[in-house]
C-alpha cells in the first residue's frame, strides 16, 4: 500500500531551505558591503581571500577606465 503524501512537511522543508539560501545571500551581501566601506575609508583589509577579490575588482575597473575610444588593444590585433 502506498503511503500518504505529507504536503505540509514538504512545504515546510522547501520554506526552510529557501530561508537558509536567503540568509546566506544576505550574509555575503553584508560582508561585501563591509569590505567596500573599509576600502572607501582607507582601512587595510585583513582577510587574504578578500584581498584577492578586491584585486580582481580593481583590475576590472582599470580596464574599464581605458582611454575612452571604445577599442581595446585586443580588438585592434584581430584580423
PDB file of N, CA and C in Angstrom:
ATOM      1  N   UNK A   1       0.836  -1.164   0.000  1.00  0.00           N
ATOM      2  CA  UNK A   1       0.000   0.000   0.000  1.00  0.00           C
ATOM      3  C   UNK A   1       0.898   1.249   0.000  1.00  0.00           C
ATOM      4  N   UNK A   2       0.574   2.184  -0.826  1.00  0.00           N
ATOM      5  CA  UNK A   2       1.356   3.408  -0.940  1.00  0.00           C
ATOM      6  C   UNK A   2       1.097   4.298   0.271  1.00  0.00           C
ATOM      7  N   UNK A   3       2.130   5.000   0.658  1.00  0.00           N
ATOM      8  CA  UNK A   3       1.941   5.884   1.814  1.00  0.00           C
ATOM      9  C   UNK A   3       1.342   7.220   1.376  1.00  0.00           C
ATOM     10  N   UNK A   4       0.698   7.836   2.307  1.00  0.00           N
ATOM     11  CA  UNK A   4       0.016   9.100   2.055  1.00  0.00           C
ATOM     12  C   UNK A   4       1.060  10.227   2.003  1.00  0.00           C
ATOM     13  N   UNK A   5       1.031  11.108   0.989  1.00  0.00           N
ATOM     14  CA  UNK A   5       1.996  12.209   0.920  1.00  0.00           C
ATOM     15  C   UNK A   5       1.755  13.238   2.024  1.00  0.00           C
ATOM     16  N   UNK A   6       2.834  13.746   2.553  1.00  0.00           N
ATOM     17  CA  UNK A   6       2.764  14.735   3.628  1.00  0.00           C
ATOM     18  C   UNK A   6       3.090  16.105   3.031  1.00  0.00           C
ATOM     19  N   UNK A   7       2.089  16.744   2.455  1.00  0.00           N
ATOM     20  CA  UNK A   7       2.282  18.014   1.770  1.00  0.00           C
ATOM     21  C   UNK A   7       2.771  19.117   2.710  1.00  0.00           C
ATOM     22  N   UNK A   8       2.270  19.125   3.919  1.00  0.00           N
ATOM     23  CA  UNK A   8       2.657  20.158   4.882  1.00  0.00           C
ATOM     24  C   UNK A   8       4.151  20.070   5.185  1.00  0.00           C
ATOM     25  N   UNK A   9       4.647  18.849   5.426  1.00  0.00           N
ATOM     26  CA  UNK A   9       6.062  18.657   5.716  1.00  0.00           C
ATOM     27  C   UNK A   9       6.919  19.087   4.523  1.00  0.00           C
ATOM     28  N   UNK A  10       6.518  18.702   3.332  1.00  0.00           N
ATOM     29  CA  UNK A  10       7.276  19.063   2.129  1.00  0.00           C
ATOM     30  C   UNK A  10       7.331  20.587   1.959  1.00  0.00           C
ATOM     31  N   UNK A  11       6.212  21.246   2.185  1.00  0.00           N
ATOM     32  CA  UNK A  11       6.171  22.700   2.068  1.00  0.00           C
ATOM     33  C   UNK A  11       7.079  23.354   3.102  1.00  0.00           C
ATOM     34  N   UNK A  12       7.035  22.877   4.349  1.00  0.00           N
ATOM     35  CA  UNK A  12       7.888  23.428   5.398  1.00  0.00           C
ATOM     36  C   UNK A  12       9.371  23.230   5.076  1.00  0.00           C
ATOM     37  N   UNK A  13       9.732  22.079   4.517  1.00  0.00           N
ATOM     38  CA  UNK A  13      11.118  21.831   4.122  1.00  0.00           C
ATOM     39  C   UNK A  13      11.550  22.790   3.024  1.00  0.00           C
ATOM     40  N   UNK A  14      10.687  23.032   2.046  1.00  0.00           N
ATOM     41  CA  UNK A  14      11.001  23.994   0.975  1.00  0.00           C
ATOM     42  C   UNK A  14      11.194  25.388   1.547  1.00  0.00           C
ATOM     43  N   UNK A  15      10.315  25.781   2.464  1.00  0.00           N
ATOM     44  CA  UNK A  15      10.412  27.113   3.072  1.00  0.00           C
ATOM     45  C   UNK A  15      11.684  27.250   3.904  1.00  0.00           C
ATOM     46  N   UNK A  16      12.070  26.177   4.631  1.00  0.00           N
ATOM     47  CA  UNK A  16      13.294  26.207   5.424  1.00  0.00           C
ATOM     48  C   UNK A  16      14.522  26.356   4.533  1.00  0.00           C
ATOM     49  N   UNK A  17      14.558  25.597   3.438  1.00  0.00           N
ATOM     50  CA  UNK A  17      15.720  25.684   2.558  1.00  0.00           C
ATOM     51  C   UNK A  17      15.779  27.047   1.874  1.00  0.00           C
ATOM     52  N   UNK A  18      14.626  27.607   1.524  1.00  0.00           N
ATOM     53  CA  UNK A  18      14.583  28.935   0.914  1.00  0.00           C
ATOM     54  C   UNK A  18      15.087  29.991   1.901  1.00  0.00           C
ATOM     55  N   UNK A  19      14.672  29.880   3.154  1.00  0.00           N
ATOM     56  CA  UNK A  19      15.111  30.830   4.178  1.00  0.00           C
ATOM     57  C   UNK A  19      16.618  30.716   4.404  1.00  0.00           C
ATOM     58  N   UNK A  20      17.153  29.504   4.362  1.00  0.00           N
ATOM     59  CA  UNK A  20      18.589  29.310   4.537  1.00  0.00           C
ATOM     60  C   UNK A  20      19.359  29.940   3.379  1.00  0.00           C
ATOM     61  N   UNK A  21      18.863  29.776   2.159  1.00  0.00           N
ATOM     62  CA  UNK A  21      19.513  30.390   0.993  1.00  0.00           C
ATOM     63  C   UNK A  21      19.483  31.911   1.098  1.00  0.00           C
ATOM     64  N   UNK A  22      18.340  32.456   1.493  1.00  0.00           N
ATOM     65  CA  UNK A  22      18.220  33.914   1.630  1.00  0.00           C
ATOM     66  C   UNK A  22      19.167  34.445   2.706  1.00  0.00           C
ATOM     67  N   UNK A  23      19.285  33.718   3.815  1.00  0.00           N
ATOM     68  CA  UNK A  23      20.169  34.147   4.891  1.00  0.00           C
ATOM     69  C   UNK A  23      21.623  34.129   4.433  1.00  0.00           C
ATOM     70  N   UNK A  24      22.007  33.113   3.686  1.00  0.00           N
ATOM     71  CA  UNK A  24      23.375  33.023   3.173  1.00  0.00           C
ATOM     72  C   UNK A  24      23.667  34.176   2.217  1.00  0.00           C
ATOM     73  N   UNK A  25      22.730  34.476   1.331  1.00  0.00           N
ATOM     74  CA  UNK A  25      22.905  35.599   0.400  1.00  0.00           C
ATOM     75  C   UNK A  25      23.010  36.925   1.155  1.00  0.00           C
ATOM     76  N   UNK A  26      22.172  37.102   2.164  1.00  0.00           N
ATOM     77  CA  UNK A  26      22.208  38.341   2.944  1.00  0.00           C
ATOM     78  C   UNK A  26      23.543  38.476   3.672  1.00  0.00           C
ATOM     79  N   UNK A  27      24.063  37.367   4.185  1.00  0.00           N
ATOM     80  CA  UNK A  27      25.347  37.386   4.879  1.00  0.00           C
ATOM     81  C   UNK A  27      26.463  37.785   3.909  1.00  0.00           C
ATOM     82  N   UNK A  28      26.486  37.202   2.722  1.00  0.00           N
ATOM     83  CA  UNK A  28      27.503  37.542   1.733  1.00  0.00           C
ATOM     84  C   UNK A  28      27.391  38.995   1.300  1.00  0.00           C
ATOM     85  N   UNK A  29      26.164  39.462   1.130  1.00  0.00           N
ATOM     86  CA  UNK A  29      25.945  40.855   0.726  1.00  0.00           C
ATOM     87  C   UNK A  29      26.449  41.809   1.803  1.00  0.00           C
ATOM     88  N   UNK A  30      26.193  41.488   3.071  1.00  0.00           N
ATOM     89  CA  UNK A  30      26.654  42.328   4.171  1.00  0.00           C
ATOM     90  C   UNK A  30      28.179  42.331   4.249  1.00  0.00           C
ATOM     91  N   UNK A  31      28.810  41.170   4.019  1.00  0.00           N
ATOM     92  CA  UNK A  31      30.269  41.100   4.039  1.00  0.00           C
ATOM     93  C   UNK A  31      30.867  41.941   2.916  1.00  0.00           C
ATOM     94  N   UNK A  32      30.282  41.867   1.723  1.00  0.00           N
ATOM     95  CA  UNK A  32      30.776  42.666   0.603  1.00  0.00           C
ATOM     96  C   UNK A  32      30.606  44.157   0.881  1.00  0.00           C
ATOM     97  N   UNK A  33      29.484  44.532   1.468  1.00  0.00           N
ATOM     98  CA  UNK A  33      29.237  45.934   1.779  1.00  0.00           C
ATOM     99  C   UNK A  33      30.263  46.432   2.803  1.00  0.00           C
ATOM    100  N   UNK A  34      30.556  45.622   3.799  1.00  0.00           N
ATOM    101  CA  UNK A  34      31.543  45.994   4.809  1.00  0.00           C
ATOM    102  C   UNK A  34      32.922  46.146   4.176  1.00  0.00           C
ATOM    103  N   UNK A  35      33.262  45.256   3.263  1.00  0.00           N
ATOM    104  CA  UNK A  35      34.546  45.339   2.567  1.00  0.00           C
ATOM    105  C   UNK A  35      34.644  46.644   1.782  1.00  0.00           C
ATOM    106  N   UNK A  36      33.568  47.002   1.090  1.00  0.00           N
ATOM    107  CA  UNK A  36      33.563  48.254   0.332  1.00  0.00           C
ATOM    108  C   UNK A  36      33.699  49.457   1.259  1.00  0.00           C
ATOM    109  N   UNK A  37      33.013  49.424   2.401  1.00  0.00           N
ATOM    110  CA  UNK A  37      33.109  50.526   3.359  1.00  0.00           C
ATOM    111  C   UNK A  37      34.536  50.677   3.867  1.00  0.00           C
ATOM    112  N   UNK A  38      35.192  49.546   4.160  1.00  0.00           N
ATOM    113  CA  UNK A  38      36.566  49.584   4.652  1.00  0.00           C
ATOM    114  C   UNK A  38      37.503  50.130   3.580  1.00  0.00           C
ATOM    115  N   UNK A  39      37.319  49.701   2.338  1.00  0.00           N
ATOM    116  CA  UNK A  39      38.181  50.183   1.263  1.00  0.00           C
ATOM    117  C   UNK A  39      37.973  51.673   1.023  1.00  0.00           C
ATOM    118  N   UNK A  40      36.736  52.122   1.112  1.00  0.00           N
ATOM    119  CA  UNK A  40      36.444  53.538   0.918  1.00  0.00           C
ATOM    120  C   UNK A  40      37.093  54.395   1.990  1.00  0.00           C
ATOM    121  N   UNK A  41      37.073  53.912   3.221  1.00  0.00           N
ATOM    122  CA  UNK A  41      37.634  54.695   4.325  1.00  0.00           C
ATOM    123  C   UNK A  41      39.145  54.568   4.403  1.00  0.00           C
ATOM    124  N   UNK A  42      39.735  53.695   3.577  1.00  0.00           N
ATOM    125  CA  UNK A  42      41.183  53.558   3.537  1.00  0.00           C
ATOM    126  C   UNK A  42      41.743  52.595   4.551  1.00  0.00           C
ATOM    127  N   UNK A  43      40.897  51.792   5.175  1.00  0.00           N
ATOM    128  CA  UNK A  43      41.373  50.816   6.139  1.00  0.00           C
ATOM    129  C   UNK A  43      41.981  49.635   5.401  1.00  0.00           C
ATOM    130  N   UNK A  44      42.916  48.964   6.058  1.00  0.00           N
ATOM    131  CA  UNK A  44      43.565  47.794   5.473  1.00  0.00           C
ATOM    132  C   UNK A  44      42.655  46.584   5.654  1.00  0.00           C
ATOM    133  N   UNK A  45      42.519  45.775   4.597  1.00  0.00           N
ATOM    134  CA  UNK A  45      41.721  44.561   4.659  1.00  0.00           C
ATOM    135  C   UNK A  45      42.598  43.453   5.209  1.00  0.00           C
ATOM    136  N   UNK A  46      42.121  42.746   6.246  1.00  0.00           N
ATOM    137  CA  UNK A  46      42.927  41.733   6.917  1.00  0.00           C
ATOM    138  C   UNK A  46      42.781  40.353   6.304  1.00  0.00           C
ATOM    139  N   UNK A  47      41.666  40.034   5.722  1.00  0.00           N
ATOM    140  CA  UNK A  47      41.406  38.699   5.197  1.00  0.00           C
ATOM    141  C   UNK A  47      42.119  38.521   3.866  1.00  0.00           C
ATOM    142  N   UNK A  48      42.907  37.451   3.725  1.00  0.00           N
ATOM    143  CA  UNK A  48      43.657  37.205   2.497  1.00  0.00           C
ATOM    144  C   UNK A  48      42.758  36.956   1.311  1.00  0.00           C
ATOM    145  N   UNK A  49      41.648  36.240   1.492  1.00  0.00           N
ATOM    146  CA  UNK A  49      40.729  35.963   0.389  1.00  0.00           C
ATOM    147  C   UNK A  49      40.071  37.252  -0.078  1.00  0.00           C
ATOM    148  N   UNK A  50      39.794  38.151   0.830  1.00  0.00           N
ATOM    149  CA  UNK A  50      39.183  39.415   0.454  1.00  0.00           C
ATOM    150  C   UNK A  50      40.147  40.260  -0.362  1.00  0.00           C
ATOM    151  N   UNK A  51      41.454  40.151  -0.078  1.00  0.00           N
ATOM    152  CA  UNK A  51      42.446  40.887  -0.849  1.00  0.00           C
ATOM    153  C   UNK A  51      42.408  40.450  -2.301  1.00  0.00           C
ATOM    154  N   UNK A  52      42.304  39.142  -2.530  1.00  0.00           N
ATOM    155  CA  UNK A  52      42.241  38.638  -3.897  1.00  0.00           C
ATOM    156  C   UNK A  52      41.008  39.157  -4.605  1.00  0.00           C
ATOM    157  N   UNK A  53      39.877  39.161  -3.918  1.00  0.00           N
ATOM    158  CA  UNK A  53      38.639  39.644  -4.519  1.00  0.00           C
ATOM    159  C   UNK A  53      38.735  41.137  -4.805  1.00  0.00           C
ATOM    160  N   UNK A  54      39.338  41.889  -3.903  1.00  0.00           N
ATOM    161  CA  UNK A  54      39.489  43.325  -4.112  1.00  0.00           C
ATOM    162  C   UNK A  54      40.437  43.595  -5.275  1.00  0.00           C
ATOM    163  N   UNK A  55      41.489  42.773  -5.404  1.00  0.00           N
ATOM    164  CA  UNK A  55      42.433  42.950  -6.505  1.00  0.00           C
ATOM    165  C   UNK A  55      41.746  42.680  -7.838  1.00  0.00           C
ATOM    166  N   UNK A  56      40.897  41.654  -7.868  1.00  0.00           N
ATOM    167  CA  UNK A  56      40.162  41.353  -9.094  1.00  0.00           C
ATOM    168  C   UNK A  56      39.241  42.499  -9.469  1.00  0.00           C
ATOM    169  N   UNK A  57      38.578  43.080  -8.486  1.00  0.00           N
ATOM    170  CA  UNK A  57      37.697  44.202  -8.757  1.00  0.00           C
ATOM    171  C   UNK A  57      38.486  45.397  -9.245  1.00  0.00           C
ATOM    172  N   UNK A  58      39.628  45.644  -8.636  1.00  0.00           N
ATOM    173  CA  UNK A  58      40.454  46.779  -9.007  1.00  0.00           C
ATOM    174  C   UNK A  58      40.968  46.654 -10.433  1.00  0.00           C
ATOM    175  N   UNK A  59      41.392  45.456 -10.846  1.00  0.00           N
ATOM    176  CA  UNK A  59      41.914  45.293 -12.199  1.00  0.00           C
ATOM    177  C   UNK A  59      40.802  45.469 -13.223  1.00  0.00           C
ATOM    178  N   UNK A  60      39.586  45.057 -12.897  1.00  0.00           N
ATOM    179  CA  UNK A  60      38.472  45.232 -13.821  1.00  0.00           C
ATOM    180  C   UNK A  60      38.131  46.691 -14.025  1.00  0.00           C
ATOM    181  N   UNK A  61      38.241  47.498 -12.977  1.00  0.00           N
ATOM    182  CA  UNK A  61      37.958  48.920 -13.091  1.00  0.00           C
ATOM    183  C   UNK A  61      39.011  49.622 -13.930  1.00  0.00           C
ATOM    184  N   UNK A  62      40.270  49.200 -13.819  1.00  0.00           N
ATOM    185  CA  UNK A  62      41.335  49.836 -14.576  1.00  0.00           C
ATOM    186  C   UNK A  62      41.127  49.602 -16.066  1.00  0.00           C
ATOM    187  N   UNK A  63      40.672  48.413 -16.449  1.00  0.00           N
ATOM    188  CA  UNK A  63      40.418  48.112 -17.851  1.00  0.00           C
ATOM    189  C   UNK A  63      39.243  48.934 -18.351  1.00  0.00           C
ATOM    190  N   UNK A  64      38.226  49.084 -17.521  1.00  0.00           N
ATOM    191  CA  UNK A  64      37.028  49.806 -17.935  1.00  0.00           C
ATOM    192  C   UNK A  64      37.306  51.288 -18.122  1.00  0.00           C
ATOM    193  N   UNK A  65      38.280  51.840 -17.390  1.00  0.00           N
ATOM    194  CA  UNK A  65      38.533  53.266 -17.481  1.00  0.00           C
ATOM    195  C   UNK A  65      39.266  53.625 -18.762  1.00  0.00           C
ATOM    196  N   UNK A  66      40.157  52.789 -19.268  1.00  0.00           N
ATOM    197  CA  UNK A  66      40.835  52.928 -20.555  1.00  0.00           C
ATOM    198  C   UNK A  66      40.986  54.345 -21.074  1.00  0.00           C
ATOM    199  N   UNK A  67      41.210  54.469 -22.395  1.00  0.00           N
ATOM    200  CA  UNK A  67      41.383  55.793 -22.973  1.00  0.00           C
ATOM    201  C   UNK A  67      40.081  56.361 -23.517  1.00  0.00           C
ATOM    202  N   UNK A  68      39.006  55.594 -23.489  1.00  0.00           N
ATOM    203  CA  UNK A  68      37.700  56.126 -23.816  1.00  0.00           C
ATOM    204  C   UNK A  68      37.284  56.012 -25.268  1.00  0.00           C
ATOM    205  N   UNK A  69      38.162  55.474 -26.164  1.00  0.00           N
ATOM    206  CA  UNK A  69      37.755  55.388 -27.562  1.00  0.00           C
ATOM    207  C   UNK A  69      36.928  54.138 -27.847  1.00  0.00           C
ATOM    208  N   UNK A  70      36.833  53.233 -26.879  1.00  0.00           N
ATOM    209  CA  UNK A  70      35.987  52.061 -27.020  1.00  0.00           C
ATOM    210  C   UNK A  70      36.695  50.882 -27.648  1.00  0.00           C
ATOM    211  N   UNK A  71      37.846  51.072 -28.288  1.00  0.00           N
ATOM    212  CA  UNK A  71      38.578  49.967 -28.891  1.00  0.00           C
ATOM    213  C   UNK A  71      39.758  49.617 -28.011  1.00  0.00           C
ATOM    214  N   UNK A  72      39.785  48.385 -27.545  1.00  0.00           N
ATOM    215  CA  UNK A  72      40.900  47.943 -26.725  1.00  0.00           C
ATOM    216  C   UNK A  72      42.042  47.461 -27.595  1.00  0.00           C
ATOM    217  N   UNK A  73      43.191  47.218 -26.995  1.00  0.00           N
ATOM    218  CA  UNK A  73      44.339  46.738 -27.749  1.00  0.00           C
ATOM    219  C   UNK A  73      44.064  45.362 -28.324  1.00  0.00           C
ATOM    220  N   UNK A  74      43.275  44.542 -27.611  1.00  0.00           N
ATOM    221  CA  UNK A  74      42.963  43.203 -28.096  1.00  0.00           C
ATOM    222  C   UNK A  74      42.123  43.282 -29.363  1.00  0.00           C
ATOM    223  N   UNK A  75      41.239  44.252 -29.446  1.00  0.00           N
ATOM    224  CA  UNK A  75      40.344  44.368 -30.597  1.00  0.00           C
ATOM    225  C   UNK A  75      41.111  44.747 -31.860  1.00  0.00           C
ATOM    226  N   UNK A  76      42.117  45.577 -31.762  1.00  0.00           N
ATOM    227  CA  UNK A  76      42.849  46.037 -32.941  1.00  0.00           C
ATOM    228  C   UNK A  76      43.770  44.952 -33.476  1.00  0.00           C
ATOM    229  N   UNK A  77      44.175  43.967 -32.662  1.00  0.00           N
ATOM    230  CA  UNK A  77      45.092  42.917 -33.095  1.00  0.00           C
ATOM    231  C   UNK A  77      44.369  41.832 -33.890  1.00  0.00           C
ATOM    232  N   UNK A  78      43.070  41.768 -33.837  1.00  0.00           N
ATOM    233  CA  UNK A  78      42.327  40.730 -34.557  1.00  0.00           C
ATOM    234  C   UNK A  78      42.337  40.994 -36.056  1.00  0.00           C
ATOM    235  N   UNK A  79      42.414  39.942 -36.905  1.00  0.00           N
ATOM    236  CA  UNK A  79      42.427  40.128 -38.366  1.00  0.00           C
ATOM    237  C   UNK A  79      41.095  40.576 -38.920  1.00  0.00           C
TER     238      UNK A  79
END
